């Protein structure tokens, strides 16, 4: 097979879904520019973690929460996303922060270097998105008993005590916090 492939250019091929190419463990450069991709849900299990460059420019990714699926790409150095709805409008000033939070190794987003300011805001966002620590029970000498208190993230809206809130809700909440912080 083609396991030694290092670069693949699949730009402008009307691709709608990312196929499983996880066996291409030498792959470093993947160009999916100008396709019709709208979801990145398959990224964690379909793309090799060895990727260093990924172009998703000019696709149909509308939900900024989709970018959370890039987290598994631990060696990603450069990514291009411009031309997607998730990078426009109200998300234009915050999507780079979210990408930097999801992909700590990224040094370039849309052909622009990741600044220290963006990196710092990404760290702050990551801290805000961490679940609160469970409260300790005073009657057990400060030791937390499993099942006695759940770790939940305090966000406005419905309660998610028994399950993790949907990823899109976390990302929307976190990005709105960044936008509010920037306005003040």
N, C-alpha and C. Protein backbone atom coordinates (compact mmCIF):
# COMPACT_ATOMS: atom_id res chain seq x y z
N UNK A 1 0.82 -1.20 0.00
CA UNK A 1 0.00 0.00 0.00
C UNK A 1 0.86 1.26 0.00
N UNK A 2 0.21 2.41 0.14
CA UNK A 2 0.89 3.71 0.05
C UNK A 2 1.22 4.27 1.43
N UNK A 3 1.66 3.45 2.34
CA UNK A 3 1.90 3.91 3.71
C UNK A 3 3.05 4.90 3.83
N UNK A 4 3.87 5.02 2.79
CA UNK A 4 4.99 5.96 2.87
C UNK A 4 4.67 7.33 2.28
N UNK A 5 3.42 7.56 1.89
CA UNK A 5 3.01 8.87 1.37
C UNK A 5 3.24 9.95 2.42
N UNK A 6 3.80 11.07 1.99
CA UNK A 6 4.07 12.18 2.90
C UNK A 6 3.13 13.35 2.63
N UNK A 7 2.69 13.51 1.38
CA UNK A 7 1.86 14.65 1.00
C UNK A 7 0.74 14.19 0.07
N UNK A 8 -0.49 14.67 0.36
CA UNK A 8 -1.64 14.38 -0.49
C UNK A 8 -2.38 15.68 -0.76
N UNK A 9 -2.65 15.95 -2.03
CA UNK A 9 -3.42 17.13 -2.43
C UNK A 9 -4.74 16.66 -3.03
N UNK A 10 -5.82 16.83 -2.27
CA UNK A 10 -7.16 16.45 -2.71
C UNK A 10 -8.04 17.70 -2.86
N UNK A 11 -7.41 18.82 -3.16
CA UNK A 11 -8.15 20.08 -3.26
C UNK A 11 -9.09 20.08 -4.47
N UNK A 12 -10.22 20.77 -4.28
CA UNK A 12 -11.21 20.98 -5.34
C UNK A 12 -11.67 19.68 -6.00
N UNK A 13 -12.13 18.75 -5.16
CA UNK A 13 -12.63 17.46 -5.64
C UNK A 13 -14.06 17.17 -5.19
N UNK A 14 -14.77 18.16 -4.69
CA UNK A 14 -16.16 18.00 -4.22
C UNK A 14 -16.29 16.96 -3.11
N UNK A 15 -15.26 16.82 -2.31
CA UNK A 15 -15.26 15.87 -1.19
C UNK A 15 -16.19 16.40 -0.09
N UNK A 16 -17.07 15.53 0.41
CA UNK A 16 -17.99 15.94 1.47
C UNK A 16 -17.62 15.35 2.83
N UNK A 17 -16.96 14.20 2.82
CA UNK A 17 -16.59 13.53 4.06
C UNK A 17 -15.10 13.16 4.02
N UNK A 18 -14.47 13.20 5.17
CA UNK A 18 -13.07 12.81 5.27
C UNK A 18 -13.00 11.29 5.42
N UNK A 19 -12.39 10.65 4.43
CA UNK A 19 -12.27 9.19 4.43
C UNK A 19 -11.17 8.74 5.40
N UNK A 20 -11.21 7.49 5.76
CA UNK A 20 -10.22 6.94 6.69
C UNK A 20 -8.89 6.74 5.99
N UNK A 21 -7.93 7.60 6.34
CA UNK A 21 -6.57 7.46 5.83
C UNK A 21 -5.59 7.35 7.02
N UNK A 22 -6.11 6.88 8.13
CA UNK A 22 -5.31 6.78 9.34
C UNK A 22 -4.13 5.82 9.22
N UNK A 23 -4.18 4.91 8.26
CA UNK A 23 -3.07 3.97 8.07
C UNK A 23 -1.87 4.61 7.37
N UNK A 24 -2.04 5.82 6.87
CA UNK A 24 -0.94 6.54 6.21
C UNK A 24 -0.13 7.26 7.29
N UNK A 25 0.57 6.51 8.07
CA UNK A 25 1.24 7.04 9.26
C UNK A 25 2.42 7.96 8.97
N UNK A 26 2.88 8.01 7.72
CA UNK A 26 3.96 8.93 7.34
C UNK A 26 3.43 10.25 6.81
N UNK A 27 2.12 10.36 6.65
CA UNK A 27 1.51 11.55 6.06
C UNK A 27 1.75 12.78 6.93
N UNK A 28 2.30 13.82 6.32
CA UNK A 28 2.59 15.07 7.03
C UNK A 28 1.76 16.23 6.50
N UNK A 29 1.35 16.19 5.22
CA UNK A 29 0.74 17.33 4.54
C UNK A 29 -0.52 16.87 3.81
N UNK A 30 -1.68 17.42 4.22
CA UNK A 30 -2.95 17.06 3.61
C UNK A 30 -3.68 18.32 3.18
N UNK A 31 -3.95 18.43 1.89
CA UNK A 31 -4.66 19.58 1.35
C UNK A 31 -6.07 19.16 0.95
N UNK A 32 -7.05 19.66 1.70
CA UNK A 32 -8.47 19.40 1.42
C UNK A 32 -9.18 20.71 1.06
N UNK A 33 -8.44 21.66 0.59
CA UNK A 33 -8.96 22.99 0.24
C UNK A 33 -10.02 22.90 -0.86
N UNK A 34 -11.03 23.78 -0.76
CA UNK A 34 -12.02 23.94 -1.81
C UNK A 34 -12.94 22.76 -2.02
N UNK A 35 -13.23 22.03 -0.97
CA UNK A 35 -14.16 20.91 -1.07
C UNK A 35 -15.50 21.28 -0.44
N UNK A 36 -16.28 20.32 -0.06
CA UNK A 36 -17.60 20.56 0.52
C UNK A 36 -17.73 19.93 1.89
N UNK A 37 -16.63 19.91 2.62
CA UNK A 37 -16.59 19.32 3.96
C UNK A 37 -17.31 20.24 4.94
N UNK A 38 -18.26 19.69 5.70
CA UNK A 38 -19.00 20.51 6.67
C UNK A 38 -18.82 20.03 8.11
N UNK A 39 -18.29 18.83 8.28
CA UNK A 39 -18.08 18.30 9.62
C UNK A 39 -16.67 17.71 9.75
N UNK A 40 -16.13 17.82 10.95
CA UNK A 40 -14.80 17.26 11.23
C UNK A 40 -14.89 16.10 12.22
N UNK A 41 -16.08 15.56 12.42
CA UNK A 41 -16.29 14.48 13.39
C UNK A 41 -15.42 13.26 13.11
N UNK A 42 -15.07 13.02 11.86
CA UNK A 42 -14.28 11.84 11.52
C UNK A 42 -12.78 12.04 11.73
N UNK A 43 -12.33 13.27 11.97
CA UNK A 43 -10.90 13.55 12.10
C UNK A 43 -10.21 12.67 13.15
N UNK A 44 -10.77 12.53 14.37
CA UNK A 44 -10.05 11.75 15.38
C UNK A 44 -9.73 10.32 14.98
N UNK A 45 -10.58 9.68 14.19
CA UNK A 45 -10.30 8.28 13.83
C UNK A 45 -9.94 8.09 12.36
N UNK A 46 -10.04 9.12 11.52
CA UNK A 46 -9.74 8.96 10.10
C UNK A 46 -8.43 9.57 9.64
N UNK A 47 -7.92 10.56 10.36
CA UNK A 47 -6.66 11.18 9.95
C UNK A 47 -5.53 10.71 10.84
N UNK A 48 -4.36 10.51 10.26
CA UNK A 48 -3.21 10.10 11.08
C UNK A 48 -2.76 11.25 11.98
N UNK A 49 -2.36 10.93 13.18
CA UNK A 49 -1.93 11.98 14.12
C UNK A 49 -0.60 12.60 13.69
N UNK A 50 0.04 12.04 12.69
CA UNK A 50 1.33 12.53 12.21
C UNK A 50 1.23 13.82 11.39
N UNK A 51 0.02 14.26 11.04
CA UNK A 51 -0.14 15.45 10.19
C UNK A 51 0.54 16.67 10.80
N UNK A 52 1.28 17.38 9.96
CA UNK A 52 1.90 18.65 10.36
C UNK A 52 1.24 19.82 9.66
N UNK A 53 0.65 19.60 8.49
CA UNK A 53 -0.04 20.65 7.74
C UNK A 53 -1.39 20.13 7.28
N UNK A 54 -2.43 20.94 7.51
CA UNK A 54 -3.79 20.58 7.09
C UNK A 54 -4.45 21.82 6.53
N UNK A 55 -4.89 21.73 5.28
CA UNK A 55 -5.65 22.84 4.69
C UNK A 55 -7.10 22.43 4.52
N UNK A 56 -7.95 23.18 5.19
CA UNK A 56 -9.40 23.01 5.07
C UNK A 56 -10.02 24.31 4.55
N UNK A 57 -9.21 25.14 3.95
CA UNK A 57 -9.65 26.43 3.41
C UNK A 57 -10.80 26.23 2.43
N UNK A 58 -11.75 27.17 2.45
CA UNK A 58 -12.87 27.20 1.49
C UNK A 58 -13.68 25.90 1.45
N UNK A 59 -14.07 25.42 2.62
CA UNK A 59 -15.00 24.31 2.72
C UNK A 59 -16.32 24.84 3.26
N UNK A 60 -17.12 24.00 3.86
CA UNK A 60 -18.44 24.41 4.36
C UNK A 60 -18.58 24.20 5.86
N UNK A 61 -17.51 24.40 6.59
CA UNK A 61 -17.54 24.21 8.04
C UNK A 61 -18.15 25.46 8.66
N UNK A 62 -19.37 25.33 9.17
CA UNK A 62 -20.11 26.48 9.71
C UNK A 62 -20.02 26.55 11.23
N UNK A 63 -19.98 25.41 11.90
CA UNK A 63 -19.99 25.35 13.36
C UNK A 63 -18.57 25.38 13.90
N UNK A 64 -18.25 26.41 14.64
CA UNK A 64 -16.90 26.53 15.20
C UNK A 64 -16.58 25.38 16.15
N UNK A 65 -17.59 24.77 16.73
CA UNK A 65 -17.39 23.63 17.61
C UNK A 65 -16.75 22.45 16.89
N UNK A 66 -16.87 22.38 15.58
CA UNK A 66 -16.25 21.31 14.80
C UNK A 66 -14.73 21.30 14.95
N UNK A 67 -14.15 22.47 15.21
CA UNK A 67 -12.70 22.58 15.33
C UNK A 67 -12.16 21.80 16.53
N UNK A 68 -13.03 21.48 17.49
CA UNK A 68 -12.60 20.70 18.65
C UNK A 68 -12.15 19.30 18.25
N UNK A 69 -12.61 18.81 17.10
CA UNK A 69 -12.21 17.48 16.64
C UNK A 69 -10.75 17.44 16.18
N UNK A 70 -10.10 18.58 16.08
CA UNK A 70 -8.69 18.62 15.66
C UNK A 70 -7.73 18.30 16.80
N UNK A 71 -8.23 18.19 18.01
CA UNK A 71 -7.41 18.00 19.21
C UNK A 71 -6.44 16.83 19.10
N UNK A 72 -6.82 15.76 18.47
CA UNK A 72 -5.97 14.56 18.37
C UNK A 72 -4.74 14.76 17.49
N UNK A 73 -4.73 15.80 16.68
CA UNK A 73 -3.61 16.03 15.76
C UNK A 73 -2.48 16.71 16.52
N UNK A 74 -1.76 15.94 17.29
CA UNK A 74 -0.74 16.43 18.24
C UNK A 74 0.48 17.07 17.58
N UNK A 75 0.73 16.76 16.30
CA UNK A 75 1.91 17.30 15.62
C UNK A 75 1.55 18.38 14.60
N UNK A 76 0.28 18.79 14.60
CA UNK A 76 -0.16 19.80 13.64
C UNK A 76 0.57 21.12 13.88
N UNK A 77 1.24 21.59 12.86
CA UNK A 77 2.03 22.81 12.94
C UNK A 77 1.34 23.96 12.21
N UNK A 78 0.72 23.68 11.07
CA UNK A 78 0.06 24.69 10.27
C UNK A 78 -1.33 24.22 9.85
N UNK A 79 -2.28 25.15 9.91
CA UNK A 79 -3.64 24.84 9.47
C UNK A 79 -4.21 26.06 8.75
N UNK A 80 -4.97 25.81 7.70
CA UNK A 80 -5.68 26.90 7.03
C UNK A 80 -7.17 26.59 7.08
N UNK A 81 -7.93 27.57 7.52
CA UNK A 81 -9.37 27.43 7.69
C UNK A 81 -10.17 28.56 7.05
N UNK A 82 -9.50 29.63 6.62
CA UNK A 82 -10.24 30.78 6.09
C UNK A 82 -11.13 30.35 4.93
N UNK A 83 -12.22 31.07 4.79
CA UNK A 83 -13.19 30.73 3.76
C UNK A 83 -14.28 29.81 4.26
N UNK A 84 -14.23 29.41 5.53
CA UNK A 84 -15.29 28.61 6.16
C UNK A 84 -16.12 29.56 7.01
N UNK A 85 -17.43 29.30 7.11
CA UNK A 85 -18.31 30.16 7.90
C UNK A 85 -17.90 30.22 9.37
N UNK A 86 -17.27 29.17 9.88
CA UNK A 86 -16.87 29.15 11.29
C UNK A 86 -15.78 30.17 11.59
N UNK A 87 -15.20 30.74 10.57
CA UNK A 87 -14.11 31.71 10.73
C UNK A 87 -14.55 33.12 10.36
N UNK A 88 -15.83 33.30 10.17
CA UNK A 88 -16.37 34.59 9.72
C UNK A 88 -17.33 35.15 10.75
N UNK A 89 -17.76 36.37 10.52
CA UNK A 89 -18.76 37.00 11.38
C UNK A 89 -18.29 37.12 12.81
N UNK A 90 -19.14 36.73 13.75
CA UNK A 90 -18.81 36.87 15.18
C UNK A 90 -17.64 36.00 15.61
N UNK A 91 -17.32 34.97 14.86
CA UNK A 91 -16.20 34.09 15.20
C UNK A 91 -14.87 34.57 14.66
N UNK A 92 -14.88 35.57 13.80
CA UNK A 92 -13.66 35.99 13.11
C UNK A 92 -12.52 36.34 14.08
N UNK A 93 -12.85 37.00 15.18
CA UNK A 93 -11.79 37.41 16.11
C UNK A 93 -11.44 36.35 17.15
N UNK A 94 -12.21 35.26 17.21
CA UNK A 94 -11.98 34.28 18.27
C UNK A 94 -11.61 32.88 17.79
N UNK A 95 -11.83 32.56 16.54
CA UNK A 95 -11.59 31.18 16.11
C UNK A 95 -10.12 30.79 16.22
N UNK A 96 -9.21 31.73 16.02
CA UNK A 96 -7.79 31.40 16.14
C UNK A 96 -7.44 31.00 17.57
N UNK A 97 -8.06 31.66 18.53
CA UNK A 97 -7.85 31.32 19.94
C UNK A 97 -8.32 29.89 20.21
N UNK A 98 -9.48 29.56 19.67
CA UNK A 98 -10.02 28.22 19.87
C UNK A 98 -9.14 27.17 19.21
N UNK A 99 -8.65 27.45 17.99
CA UNK A 99 -7.77 26.50 17.31
C UNK A 99 -6.48 26.32 18.11
N UNK A 100 -5.93 27.42 18.61
CA UNK A 100 -4.69 27.34 19.40
C UNK A 100 -4.92 26.54 20.68
N UNK A 101 -6.12 26.62 21.25
CA UNK A 101 -6.42 25.84 22.44
C UNK A 101 -6.53 24.35 22.10
N UNK A 102 -7.20 24.03 21.00
CA UNK A 102 -7.40 22.62 20.62
C UNK A 102 -6.12 21.98 20.11
N UNK A 103 -5.29 22.76 19.45
CA UNK A 103 -4.05 22.24 18.84
C UNK A 103 -2.87 23.04 19.37
N UNK A 104 -2.38 22.65 20.51
CA UNK A 104 -1.32 23.40 21.18
C UNK A 104 -0.04 23.49 20.35
N UNK A 105 0.18 22.56 19.44
CA UNK A 105 1.41 22.56 18.64
C UNK A 105 1.36 23.50 17.43
N UNK A 106 0.19 24.04 17.12
CA UNK A 106 0.04 24.90 15.93
C UNK A 106 0.84 26.18 16.09
N UNK A 107 1.62 26.49 15.05
CA UNK A 107 2.40 27.73 15.04
C UNK A 107 1.91 28.70 13.98
N UNK A 108 1.04 28.22 13.06
CA UNK A 108 0.52 29.06 11.99
C UNK A 108 -0.94 28.71 11.70
N UNK A 109 -1.79 29.73 11.71
CA UNK A 109 -3.20 29.57 11.38
C UNK A 109 -3.49 30.53 10.23
N UNK A 110 -3.98 29.99 9.13
CA UNK A 110 -4.27 30.79 7.94
C UNK A 110 -3.08 31.61 7.49
N UNK A 111 -1.94 30.96 7.43
CA UNK A 111 -0.69 31.56 6.97
C UNK A 111 -0.21 32.73 7.83
N UNK A 112 -0.70 32.82 9.05
CA UNK A 112 -0.28 33.84 10.01
C UNK A 112 0.29 33.15 11.24
N UNK A 113 1.41 33.66 11.76
CA UNK A 113 1.97 33.03 12.96
C UNK A 113 1.04 33.19 14.16
N UNK A 114 1.00 32.18 15.01
CA UNK A 114 0.21 32.26 16.24
C UNK A 114 0.98 33.15 17.20
N UNK A 115 0.39 34.28 17.58
CA UNK A 115 1.06 35.24 18.46
C UNK A 115 1.03 34.77 19.91
N UNK A 116 1.88 35.35 20.71
CA UNK A 116 1.90 35.02 22.14
C UNK A 116 0.57 35.42 22.79
N UNK A 117 -0.01 36.50 22.32
CA UNK A 117 -1.31 36.95 22.82
C UNK A 117 -2.39 35.89 22.58
N UNK A 118 -2.44 35.35 21.37
CA UNK A 118 -3.40 34.29 21.04
C UNK A 118 -3.12 33.06 21.89
N UNK A 119 -1.86 32.71 22.04
CA UNK A 119 -1.47 31.55 22.85
C UNK A 119 -1.94 31.73 24.30
N UNK A 120 -1.73 32.94 24.88
CA UNK A 120 -2.16 33.21 26.26
C UNK A 120 -3.67 33.13 26.40
N UNK A 121 -4.41 33.70 25.44
CA UNK A 121 -5.87 33.63 25.49
C UNK A 121 -6.36 32.19 25.34
N UNK A 122 -5.64 31.39 24.57
CA UNK A 122 -5.99 29.98 24.42
C UNK A 122 -5.82 29.25 25.75
N UNK A 123 -4.75 29.56 26.46
CA UNK A 123 -4.53 28.94 27.79
C UNK A 123 -5.65 29.34 28.75
N UNK A 124 -6.02 30.63 28.74
CA UNK A 124 -7.10 31.11 29.61
C UNK A 124 -8.41 30.42 29.27
N UNK A 125 -8.68 30.25 27.99
CA UNK A 125 -9.89 29.58 27.55
C UNK A 125 -9.90 28.13 28.01
N UNK A 126 -8.76 27.47 27.93
CA UNK A 126 -8.67 26.08 28.38
C UNK A 126 -8.97 25.97 29.87
N UNK A 127 -8.48 26.92 30.64
CA UNK A 127 -8.75 26.93 32.09
C UNK A 127 -10.23 27.13 32.34
N UNK A 128 -10.86 28.04 31.61
CA UNK A 128 -12.29 28.31 31.79
C UNK A 128 -13.15 27.11 31.40
N UNK A 129 -12.67 26.30 30.48
CA UNK A 129 -13.45 25.16 30.03
C UNK A 129 -13.26 23.92 30.89
N UNK A 130 -12.30 23.94 31.82
CA UNK A 130 -12.11 22.79 32.71
C UNK A 130 -13.30 22.68 33.65
N UNK A 131 -13.74 21.46 33.91
CA UNK A 131 -14.83 21.29 34.87
C UNK A 131 -14.39 21.72 36.26
N UNK A 132 -15.36 22.20 37.05
CA UNK A 132 -15.06 22.55 38.43
C UNK A 132 -14.72 21.29 39.19
N UNK A 133 -13.86 21.45 40.21
CA UNK A 133 -13.51 20.30 41.05
C UNK A 133 -14.69 19.99 41.95
N UNK A 134 -14.90 18.70 42.25
CA UNK A 134 -16.00 18.33 43.13
C UNK A 134 -15.77 18.90 44.53
N UNK A 135 -16.85 19.28 45.14
CA UNK A 135 -16.77 19.80 46.51
C UNK A 135 -16.42 18.65 47.45
N UNK A 136 -15.66 18.96 48.50
CA UNK A 136 -15.33 17.91 49.46
C UNK A 136 -16.40 17.86 50.54
N UNK A 137 -16.58 16.73 51.08
CA UNK A 137 -17.58 16.52 52.12
C UNK A 137 -16.88 16.64 53.48
N UNK A 138 -17.31 17.62 54.28
CA UNK A 138 -16.67 17.88 55.57
C UNK A 138 -16.79 16.69 56.52
N UNK A 139 -17.83 15.89 56.36
CA UNK A 139 -18.02 14.77 57.28
C UNK A 139 -17.08 13.62 56.98
N UNK A 140 -16.39 13.67 55.86
CA UNK A 140 -15.44 12.60 55.54
C UNK A 140 -14.02 13.13 55.56
N UNK A 141 -13.79 14.14 56.42
CA UNK A 141 -12.46 14.73 56.57
C UNK A 141 -11.88 15.25 55.26
N UNK A 142 -12.74 15.85 54.47
CA UNK A 142 -12.27 16.48 53.24
C UNK A 142 -11.98 15.51 52.11
N UNK A 143 -12.34 14.26 52.26
CA UNK A 143 -12.10 13.27 51.21
C UNK A 143 -13.35 13.15 50.36
N UNK A 144 -13.17 13.20 49.08
CA UNK A 144 -14.30 13.09 48.17
C UNK A 144 -14.66 11.63 47.96
N UNK A 145 -15.93 11.32 48.18
CA UNK A 145 -16.41 9.96 47.94
C UNK A 145 -16.93 9.87 46.52
N UNK A 146 -16.48 8.90 45.76
CA UNK A 146 -16.99 8.74 44.40
C UNK A 146 -18.51 8.62 44.42
N UNK A 147 -19.15 9.37 43.52
CA UNK A 147 -20.60 9.33 43.43
C UNK A 147 -21.30 10.31 44.36
N UNK A 148 -20.58 10.91 45.33
CA UNK A 148 -21.25 11.81 46.26
C UNK A 148 -21.43 13.20 45.65
N UNK A 149 -20.58 13.59 44.75
CA UNK A 149 -20.69 14.89 44.10
C UNK A 149 -20.07 14.78 42.72
N UNK A 150 -20.75 15.30 41.72
CA UNK A 150 -20.26 15.20 40.35
C UNK A 150 -19.48 16.46 39.98
N UNK A 151 -18.53 16.30 39.12
CA UNK A 151 -17.78 17.43 38.59
C UNK A 151 -18.57 18.00 37.41
N UNK A 152 -19.05 19.23 37.56
CA UNK A 152 -19.84 19.85 36.48
C UNK A 152 -19.27 21.21 36.15
N UNK A 153 -19.43 21.60 34.91
CA UNK A 153 -19.01 22.90 34.45
C UNK A 153 -20.16 23.86 34.66
N UNK A 154 -19.91 24.99 35.29
CA UNK A 154 -20.97 25.96 35.53
C UNK A 154 -21.16 26.84 34.31
N UNK A 155 -22.18 26.50 33.53
CA UNK A 155 -22.51 27.31 32.38
C UNK A 155 -23.99 27.60 32.41
N UNK A 156 -24.39 28.76 31.87
CA UNK A 156 -25.81 29.06 31.86
C UNK A 156 -26.56 28.05 31.00
N UNK A 157 -27.81 27.82 31.33
CA UNK A 157 -28.61 26.91 30.51
C UNK A 157 -28.96 25.66 31.27
N UNK A 158 -29.31 24.59 30.55
CA UNK A 158 -29.75 23.36 31.19
C UNK A 158 -28.65 22.72 32.04
N UNK A 159 -29.07 21.94 33.01
CA UNK A 159 -28.13 21.25 33.87
C UNK A 159 -27.62 19.98 33.18
N UNK A 160 -26.31 19.74 33.30
CA UNK A 160 -25.70 18.55 32.72
C UNK A 160 -25.01 17.76 33.82
N UNK A 161 -25.70 17.58 34.96
CA UNK A 161 -25.10 16.93 36.11
C UNK A 161 -24.64 15.51 35.86
N UNK A 162 -25.42 14.77 35.11
CA UNK A 162 -25.13 13.34 34.95
C UNK A 162 -24.41 13.00 33.66
N UNK A 163 -24.13 14.00 32.88
CA UNK A 163 -23.40 13.76 31.64
C UNK A 163 -22.62 15.00 31.26
N UNK A 164 -21.67 14.85 30.39
CA UNK A 164 -20.87 15.96 29.91
C UNK A 164 -21.74 16.81 28.98
N UNK A 165 -21.68 18.15 29.07
CA UNK A 165 -22.43 18.98 28.14
C UNK A 165 -21.94 18.73 26.71
N UNK A 166 -22.83 18.90 25.73
CA UNK A 166 -22.39 18.71 24.35
C UNK A 166 -21.21 19.63 24.03
N UNK A 167 -20.27 19.15 23.23
CA UNK A 167 -19.06 19.89 22.90
C UNK A 167 -19.38 21.25 22.28
N UNK A 168 -20.43 21.30 21.41
CA UNK A 168 -20.76 22.57 20.78
C UNK A 168 -21.20 23.60 21.82
N UNK A 169 -21.86 23.16 22.89
CA UNK A 169 -22.28 24.07 23.93
C UNK A 169 -21.08 24.63 24.67
N UNK A 170 -20.12 23.76 24.98
CA UNK A 170 -18.90 24.22 25.64
C UNK A 170 -18.16 25.23 24.80
N UNK A 171 -18.01 24.94 23.51
CA UNK A 171 -17.25 25.85 22.66
C UNK A 171 -17.98 27.16 22.46
N UNK A 172 -19.28 27.11 22.27
CA UNK A 172 -20.04 28.35 22.11
C UNK A 172 -19.94 29.20 23.37
N UNK A 173 -20.09 28.55 24.53
CA UNK A 173 -19.99 29.28 25.79
C UNK A 173 -18.61 29.89 25.96
N UNK A 174 -17.58 29.11 25.72
CA UNK A 174 -16.21 29.59 25.90
C UNK A 174 -15.89 30.73 24.94
N UNK A 175 -16.32 30.62 23.70
CA UNK A 175 -16.04 31.68 22.74
C UNK A 175 -16.81 32.95 23.07
N UNK A 176 -18.02 32.81 23.61
CA UNK A 176 -18.76 34.02 24.01
C UNK A 176 -18.06 34.69 25.20
N UNK A 177 -17.45 33.90 26.07
CA UNK A 177 -16.69 34.47 27.19
C UNK A 177 -15.48 35.26 26.67
N UNK A 178 -14.79 34.73 25.67
CA UNK A 178 -13.65 35.44 25.09
C UNK A 178 -14.11 36.73 24.44
N UNK A 179 -15.22 36.68 23.70
CA UNK A 179 -15.73 37.87 23.02
C UNK A 179 -16.14 38.93 24.04
N UNK A 180 -16.80 38.53 25.12
CA UNK A 180 -17.19 39.49 26.17
C UNK A 180 -15.96 40.12 26.81
N UNK A 181 -14.95 39.30 27.05
CA UNK A 181 -13.72 39.80 27.68
C UNK A 181 -13.03 40.84 26.78
N UNK A 182 -13.04 40.57 25.48
CA UNK A 182 -12.40 41.49 24.55
C UNK A 182 -13.16 42.82 24.46
N UNK A 183 -14.49 42.79 24.61
CA UNK A 183 -15.28 44.02 24.54
C UNK A 183 -15.08 44.91 25.74
N UNK A 184 -14.78 44.30 26.89
CA UNK A 184 -14.66 45.11 28.12
C UNK A 184 -13.26 45.65 28.32
